[in-house]
Protein backbone atom coordinates (compact mmCIF):
# COMPACT_ATOMS: atom_id res chain seq x y z
CA UNK A 1 -133.14 -227.12 -33.61
CA UNK A 2 -129.83 -225.50 -34.86
CA UNK A 3 -127.26 -228.09 -34.37
CA UNK A 4 -123.69 -227.92 -32.76
CA UNK A 5 -121.14 -228.99 -35.33
CA UNK A 6 -117.81 -230.42 -34.75
CA UNK A 7 -114.84 -227.92 -34.23
CA UNK A 8 -112.22 -228.44 -36.28
CA UNK A 9 -108.63 -226.54 -35.14
CA UNK A 10 -107.82 -226.33 -38.80
CA UNK A 11 -110.77 -224.65 -39.51
CA UNK A 12 -112.30 -222.51 -36.71
CA UNK A 13 -114.05 -220.13 -38.95
CA UNK A 14 -116.42 -223.76 -39.66
CA UNK A 15 -118.07 -223.19 -36.19
CA UNK A 16 -121.10 -220.65 -35.99
CA UNK A 17 -121.55 -218.77 -32.56
CA UNK A 18 -124.77 -216.90 -33.89
CA UNK A 19 -126.24 -220.62 -34.38
CA UNK A 20 -125.02 -221.48 -30.54
CA UNK A 21 -125.91 -218.24 -28.94
CA UNK A 22 -129.64 -218.47 -30.70
CA UNK A 23 -129.94 -222.16 -29.69
CA UNK A 24 -129.34 -221.38 -26.01
CA UNK A 25 -131.97 -218.87 -26.51
CA UNK A 26 -134.39 -222.14 -26.84
CA UNK A 27 -137.30 -220.73 -28.51
CA UNK A 28 -139.96 -222.65 -27.14
CA UNK A 29 -143.13 -220.63 -29.12
CA UNK A 30 -144.31 -218.54 -31.67
CA UNK A 31 -147.50 -216.74 -32.61
CA UNK A 32 -148.06 -214.65 -35.94
CA UNK A 33 -151.06 -212.59 -36.77
CA UNK A 34 -151.66 -210.29 -39.77
CA UNK A 35 -153.09 -206.52 -39.02
CA UNK A 36 -154.51 -204.58 -41.54
CA UNK A 37 -155.30 -200.71 -40.46
CA UNK A 38 -156.99 -197.40 -41.35
CA UNK A 39 -157.58 -194.08 -39.74
CA UNK A 40 -156.19 -193.12 -36.57
CA UNK A 41 -155.31 -196.32 -34.16
CA UNK A 42 -153.00 -197.26 -31.29
CA UNK A 43 -152.32 -201.00 -30.10
CA UNK A 44 -150.50 -201.58 -26.68
CA UNK A 45 -148.62 -204.84 -26.09
CA UNK A 46 -148.10 -206.36 -23.02
CA UNK A 47 -144.79 -206.94 -21.65
CA UNK A 48 -143.95 -210.47 -22.17
CA UNK A 49 -140.70 -212.86 -22.20
CA UNK A 50 -139.66 -212.92 -25.64
CA UNK A 51 -138.86 -211.50 -28.88
CA UNK A 52 -141.82 -209.66 -31.05
CA UNK A 53 -141.64 -209.35 -34.44
CA UNK A 54 -143.20 -206.78 -37.07
CA UNK A 55 -143.44 -206.45 -40.73
CA UNK A 56 -144.85 -203.76 -42.95
CA UNK A 57 -146.06 -205.22 -46.24
CA UNK A 58 -147.81 -201.80 -47.30
CA UNK A 59 -148.33 -198.63 -45.56
CA UNK A 60 -146.20 -197.42 -42.79
CA UNK A 61 -146.68 -196.94 -38.90
CA UNK A 62 -144.65 -195.82 -35.49
CA UNK A 63 -143.21 -198.32 -33.17
CA UNK A 64 -142.61 -197.17 -29.53
CA UNK A 65 -141.48 -199.42 -26.90
CA UNK A 66 -142.25 -198.30 -23.55
CA UNK A 67 -138.70 -197.35 -22.11
CA UNK A 68 -137.95 -195.52 -25.13
CA UNK A 69 -138.82 -191.87 -25.56
CA UNK A 70 -138.11 -191.96 -29.28
CA UNK A 71 -140.31 -193.73 -31.82
CA UNK A 72 -139.51 -195.76 -34.93
CA UNK A 73 -141.06 -195.34 -38.43
CA UNK A 74 -141.68 -198.44 -40.21
CA UNK A 75 -142.25 -198.43 -43.57
CA UNK A 76 -143.33 -200.75 -46.45
CA UNK A 77 -140.90 -203.68 -46.48
CA UNK A 78 -139.29 -202.89 -42.75
CA UNK A 79 -138.83 -205.43 -40.52
CA UNK A 80 -138.18 -204.83 -36.61
CA UNK A 81 -137.52 -207.21 -33.61
CA UNK A 82 -138.43 -206.07 -30.05
CA UNK A 83 -136.23 -207.95 -27.75
CA UNK A 84 -136.65 -209.13 -24.28
CA UNK A 85 -140.18 -208.50 -24.65
CA UNK A 86 -140.74 -205.09 -23.45
CA UNK A 87 -144.32 -203.12 -23.42
CA UNK A 88 -144.52 -201.52 -26.79
CA UNK A 89 -146.85 -199.19 -28.58
CA UNK A 90 -147.70 -199.96 -32.17
CA UNK A 91 -149.78 -196.61 -33.96
CA UNK A 92 -150.57 -194.80 -36.70
CA UNK A 93 -151.06 -191.32 -34.58
CA UNK A 94 -149.12 -190.93 -31.21
CA UNK A 95 -152.36 -189.44 -29.54
CA UNK A 96 -154.88 -192.26 -30.94
CA UNK A 97 -156.53 -194.16 -27.99
CA UNK A 98 -154.74 -197.37 -27.59
CA UNK A 99 -156.39 -200.59 -27.67
CA UNK A 100 -154.87 -203.76 -25.86
CA UNK A 101 -153.43 -205.92 -28.85
CA UNK A 102 -153.64 -209.08 -27.14
CA UNK A 103 -157.37 -209.09 -27.28
CA UNK A 104 -157.58 -207.49 -30.87
CA UNK A 105 -155.40 -210.64 -32.36
CA UNK A 106 -157.14 -213.31 -30.02
CA UNK A 107 -159.90 -212.47 -32.27
CA UNK A 108 -158.25 -213.65 -35.28
CA UNK A 109 -157.27 -217.16 -35.75
CA UNK A 110 -153.43 -218.53 -35.83
CA UNK A 111 -152.13 -216.85 -39.06
CA UNK A 112 -155.38 -214.78 -39.63
CA UNK A 113 -155.95 -210.79 -40.06
CA UNK A 114 -157.22 -208.66 -37.13
CA UNK A 115 -158.66 -205.32 -38.86
CA UNK A 116 -158.82 -202.01 -37.48
CA UNK A 117 -161.09 -198.97 -39.09
CA UNK A 118 -162.04 -201.15 -42.01
CA UNK A 119 -158.20 -201.66 -42.96
CA UNK A 120 -156.81 -200.90 -46.21
CA UNK A 121 -153.81 -198.19 -45.21
CA UNK A 122 -151.27 -200.44 -43.24
CA UNK A 123 -150.86 -203.88 -43.50
CA UNK A 124 -148.19 -206.04 -41.69
CA UNK A 125 -147.92 -208.87 -39.57
CA UNK A 126 -146.96 -209.21 -36.17
CA UNK A 127 -145.34 -212.38 -34.24
CA UNK A 128 -143.80 -213.34 -30.73
CA UNK A 129 -141.08 -215.54 -30.14
CA UNK A 130 -141.27 -217.04 -26.40
CA UNK A 131 -137.68 -218.14 -25.10
CA UNK A 132 -137.30 -220.41 -22.54
CA UNK A 133 -133.12 -220.38 -21.79
CA UNK A 134 -131.86 -219.62 -18.46
CA UNK A 135 -129.46 -216.97 -20.23
CA UNK A 136 -131.92 -214.91 -21.99
CA UNK A 137 -131.32 -211.60 -20.46
CA UNK A 138 -127.69 -211.96 -20.75
CA UNK A 139 -127.85 -213.05 -24.12
CA UNK A 140 -130.00 -210.30 -25.25
CA UNK A 141 -127.93 -207.81 -23.38
CA UNK A 142 -125.71 -207.22 -26.66
CA UNK A 143 -128.70 -206.62 -28.96
CA UNK A 144 -130.26 -203.31 -29.42
CA UNK A 145 -134.05 -203.00 -27.74
CA UNK A 146 -135.15 -202.41 -31.18
CA UNK A 147 -133.73 -204.11 -34.47
CA UNK A 148 -135.15 -202.71 -37.28
CA UNK A 149 -134.16 -203.58 -40.89
CA UNK A 150 -134.29 -201.12 -43.23
CA UNK A 151 -132.17 -201.92 -46.14
CA UNK A 152 -132.73 -204.11 -48.96
CA UNK A 153 -129.94 -206.47 -47.52
CA UNK A 154 -131.73 -209.06 -46.28
CA UNK A 155 -135.18 -207.73 -46.15
CA UNK A 156 -136.67 -209.63 -49.09
CA UNK A 157 -135.60 -213.16 -47.25
CA UNK A 158 -137.34 -211.82 -44.31
CA UNK A 159 -140.61 -211.06 -45.99
CA UNK A 160 -141.02 -213.72 -47.65
CA UNK A 161 -140.25 -216.05 -44.53
CA UNK A 162 -143.04 -214.00 -42.67
CA UNK A 163 -145.45 -214.66 -45.94
CA UNK A 164 -144.61 -217.96 -45.65
CA UNK A 165 -144.99 -218.77 -42.15
CA UNK A 166 -148.21 -217.18 -42.19
CA UNK A 167 -149.64 -219.87 -44.62
CA UNK A 168 -148.18 -222.54 -43.09
CA UNK A 169 -150.34 -221.13 -40.00
CA UNK A 170 -153.29 -220.42 -42.16
CA UNK A 171 -153.77 -223.17 -44.38
CA UNK A 172 -152.40 -226.34 -41.98
CA UNK A 173 -150.67 -229.17 -43.97
CA UNK A 174 -149.35 -232.40 -42.90
CA UNK A 175 -146.00 -231.41 -41.49
CA UNK A 176 -146.99 -227.68 -41.08
CA UNK A 177 -146.01 -227.60 -37.46
CA UNK A 178 -142.55 -228.48 -37.73
CA UNK A 179 -142.10 -226.66 -40.84
CA UNK A 180 -144.03 -223.61 -39.18
CA UNK A 181 -141.25 -224.06 -36.58
CA UNK A 182 -138.33 -223.85 -38.65
CA UNK A 183 -139.33 -220.68 -40.39
CA UNK A 184 -140.30 -218.91 -37.21
CA UNK A 185 -136.56 -219.66 -36.43
CA UNK A 186 -135.09 -218.77 -39.71
CA UNK A 187 -136.65 -215.45 -38.92
CA UNK A 188 -134.90 -214.58 -36.08
CA UNK A 189 -131.24 -215.54 -38.03
CA UNK A 190 -132.59 -213.71 -41.15
CA UNK A 191 -133.37 -210.64 -39.34
CA UNK A 192 -129.90 -210.59 -36.98
CA UNK A 193 -127.97 -211.11 -40.37
CA UNK A 194 -129.62 -207.88 -42.24
CA UNK A 195 -129.04 -206.19 -39.03
CA UNK A 196 -125.46 -207.14 -39.35
CA UNK A 197 -125.02 -206.16 -43.16
CA UNK A 198 -126.59 -202.81 -42.51
CA UNK A 199 -123.75 -202.20 -40.11
CA UNK A 200 -125.86 -201.14 -37.29
CA UNK A 201 -124.39 -203.68 -34.35
CA UNK A 202 -122.72 -201.80 -31.83
CA UNK A 203 -121.13 -203.63 -28.84
CA UNK A 204 -121.24 -207.01 -27.49
CA UNK A 205 -120.98 -210.15 -29.47
CA UNK A 206 -123.59 -209.10 -32.13
CA UNK A 207 -121.19 -206.45 -32.86
CA UNK A 208 -118.06 -208.68 -33.27
CA UNK A 209 -119.65 -210.97 -35.71
CA UNK A 210 -119.75 -208.10 -38.18
CA UNK A 211 -115.92 -208.21 -38.28
CA UNK A 212 -114.56 -211.07 -39.70
CA UNK A 213 -111.01 -210.77 -37.49
CA UNK A 214 -113.46 -210.81 -34.41
CA UNK A 215 -115.77 -213.45 -35.92
CA UNK A 216 -113.22 -215.92 -36.28
CA UNK A 217 -111.88 -215.69 -32.69
CA UNK A 218 -115.37 -215.88 -31.45
CA UNK A 219 -115.79 -219.08 -33.63
CA UNK A 220 -112.72 -220.41 -32.05
CA UNK A 221 -113.88 -219.95 -28.47
CA UNK A 222 -117.19 -221.60 -29.17
CA UNK A 223 -115.77 -224.42 -31.04
CA UNK A 224 -113.81 -225.87 -28.38
CA UNK A 225 -114.92 -223.93 -24.91
CA UNK A 226 -112.78 -225.98 -22.71
CA UNK A 227 -109.52 -225.67 -24.31
CA UNK A 228 -107.07 -223.10 -22.12
CA UNK A 229 -106.93 -220.16 -24.66
CA UNK A 230 -104.72 -217.66 -24.69
CA UNK A 231 -104.53 -214.03 -25.81
CA UNK A 232 -101.73 -215.23 -28.25
CA UNK A 233 -103.76 -218.38 -29.60
CA UNK A 234 -106.91 -215.88 -30.00
CA UNK A 235 -104.60 -213.47 -32.07
CA UNK A 236 -103.17 -216.09 -34.22
CA UNK A 237 -106.29 -217.47 -35.00
CA UNK A 238 -107.39 -213.91 -36.09
CA UNK A 239 -104.70 -212.93 -38.06
CA UNK A 240 -103.52 -210.22 -36.04
CA UNK A 241 -100.78 -209.43 -33.65
CA UNK A 242 -101.55 -209.79 -30.17
CA UNK A 243 -101.85 -206.07 -28.92
CA UNK A 244 -103.92 -205.32 -32.08
CA UNK A 245 -106.24 -208.25 -31.63
CA UNK A 246 -106.56 -207.19 -27.82
CA UNK A 247 -107.53 -203.72 -28.32
CA UNK A 248 -109.71 -204.37 -31.27
CA UNK A 249 -111.86 -207.09 -29.85
CA UNK A 250 -112.24 -204.76 -26.61
CA UNK A 251 -113.31 -201.75 -28.71
CA UNK A 252 -115.74 -203.83 -30.83
CA UNK A 253 -117.26 -205.75 -28.02
CA UNK A 254 -116.69 -203.38 -24.51
CA UNK A 255 -114.38 -206.40 -22.89
CA UNK A 256 -111.69 -208.42 -23.07
CA UNK A 257 -111.43 -211.88 -25.17
CA UNK A 258 -110.94 -214.02 -22.02
CA UNK A 259 -114.07 -211.76 -20.33
CA UNK A 260 -116.13 -213.14 -23.08
CA UNK A 261 -115.03 -216.34 -23.08
CA UNK A 262 -115.60 -216.65 -19.15
CA UNK A 263 -119.00 -215.37 -19.70
CA UNK A 264 -119.90 -217.63 -22.93
CA UNK A 265 -118.87 -220.61 -20.65
CA UNK A 266 -121.11 -219.71 -17.51
CA UNK A 267 -123.80 -219.47 -19.86
CA UNK A 268 -123.18 -222.80 -21.27
CA UNK A 269 -123.00 -224.10 -18.05
CA UNK A 270 -126.10 -222.21 -17.10
CA UNK A 271 -127.98 -224.12 -19.62
CA UNK A 272 -126.30 -227.25 -18.77
CA UNK A 273 -127.10 -226.87 -15.49
CA UNK A 274 -130.92 -226.29 -16.05
CA UNK A 275 -131.47 -228.45 -18.58
CA UNK A 276 -129.62 -231.83 -18.34
CA UNK A 277 -128.72 -234.16 -15.13
CA UNK A 278 -125.23 -234.16 -15.55
CA UNK A 279 -123.08 -233.47 -12.73
CA UNK A 280 -121.81 -230.49 -11.55
CA UNK A 281 -118.27 -231.78 -11.81
CA UNK A 282 -118.84 -232.53 -15.50
CA UNK A 283 -120.79 -229.36 -16.26
CA UNK A 284 -117.41 -227.65 -15.10
CA UNK A 285 -115.05 -229.83 -16.85
CA UNK A 286 -117.16 -229.30 -20.03
CA UNK A 287 -116.18 -225.42 -19.70
CA UNK A 288 -112.68 -226.04 -19.07
CA UNK A 289 -112.58 -226.28 -15.57
CA UNK A 290 -110.92 -229.00 -13.47
CA UNK A 291 -111.94 -227.16 -10.21
CA UNK A 292 -115.29 -227.47 -9.08
CA UNK A 293 -114.50 -224.68 -6.49
CA UNK A 294 -112.99 -222.50 -9.40
CA UNK A 295 -115.69 -222.74 -11.54
CA UNK A 296 -118.23 -222.05 -8.73
CA UNK A 297 -116.42 -218.97 -7.85
CA UNK A 298 -116.50 -217.96 -11.60
CA UNK A 299 -120.09 -219.24 -12.01
CA UNK A 300 -121.07 -216.99 -9.07
CA UNK A 301 -119.16 -213.86 -10.12
CA UNK A 302 -120.59 -214.39 -13.60
CA UNK A 303 -124.29 -215.11 -12.90
CA UNK A 304 -124.79 -213.49 -9.10
CA UNK A 305 -126.23 -217.05 -8.19
CA UNK A 306 -124.36 -220.31 -6.85
CA UNK A 307 -124.30 -223.10 -9.57
CA UNK A 308 -125.67 -225.46 -7.17
CA UNK A 309 -129.18 -223.52 -7.43
CA UNK A 310 -129.87 -225.59 -10.38
CA UNK A 311 -132.61 -224.61 -12.71
CA UNK A 312 -132.50 -220.84 -11.49
CA UNK A 313 -132.84 -218.04 -14.64
CA UNK A 314 -129.37 -216.19 -14.73
CA UNK A 315 -129.52 -212.33 -14.01
């Protein structure tokens, strides 16, 4: 799993908010299959709790989430992540009779290849990351429903990672399960890095990571979440005036720096309440609250539930 590094006040940039956030998503499982198609075809993927991944090695096809009227063309070398596990259709022709994707891929072994109409025209891999975090919906709210990596920036690393993962699954060797798990997590990181490099992130924490000054502020908050951060402190970390920093942070993320800090604190607290036996007072103190009642009020305002209802997923 991704490790939390010690925060250094002299180097807040050493912290890694993306690793922090992906760790809180708690990837718990994955599954990948190859797909080799030809002719007219369509596959329906059911709703599931997690993130879907599609990588096209040759040819092209269309990707359309069920709640989005605009399909996305995936061409050779493209990689797409579909967030939140929503239903999605993959197809060569919009009016083709759809088949159940789960049934088709289940016919192939892990790391194997499922074929449609004899194959030979469009080849790629499809995967699914299951997420076990209690903050999945809240954390993914800042990520577009479809992350489409088109540019050369990061694409080669993504495809190489997919192919290596497929080899580990289809040709298991000693230690392969652990190695495959690391490759699966690396794919998420590489895809989001490439998305940031493409300059297509808009809004929320993901967009902030694309801006060096905003990234330094996020790193500082993540590195010392219990500190009584002020707007002045965060502006200094970012190397900006207080007014300029406040205006830019809100313009990029859609919220104030202190509002982001509060939501991140509650995300951490929800994870600790759900996954540890730490007392409520200790959890409150770990995210900067000396008063359990003040923490409880903030937690309920952000998550919609009482922190005493441990183990429940946040809305």
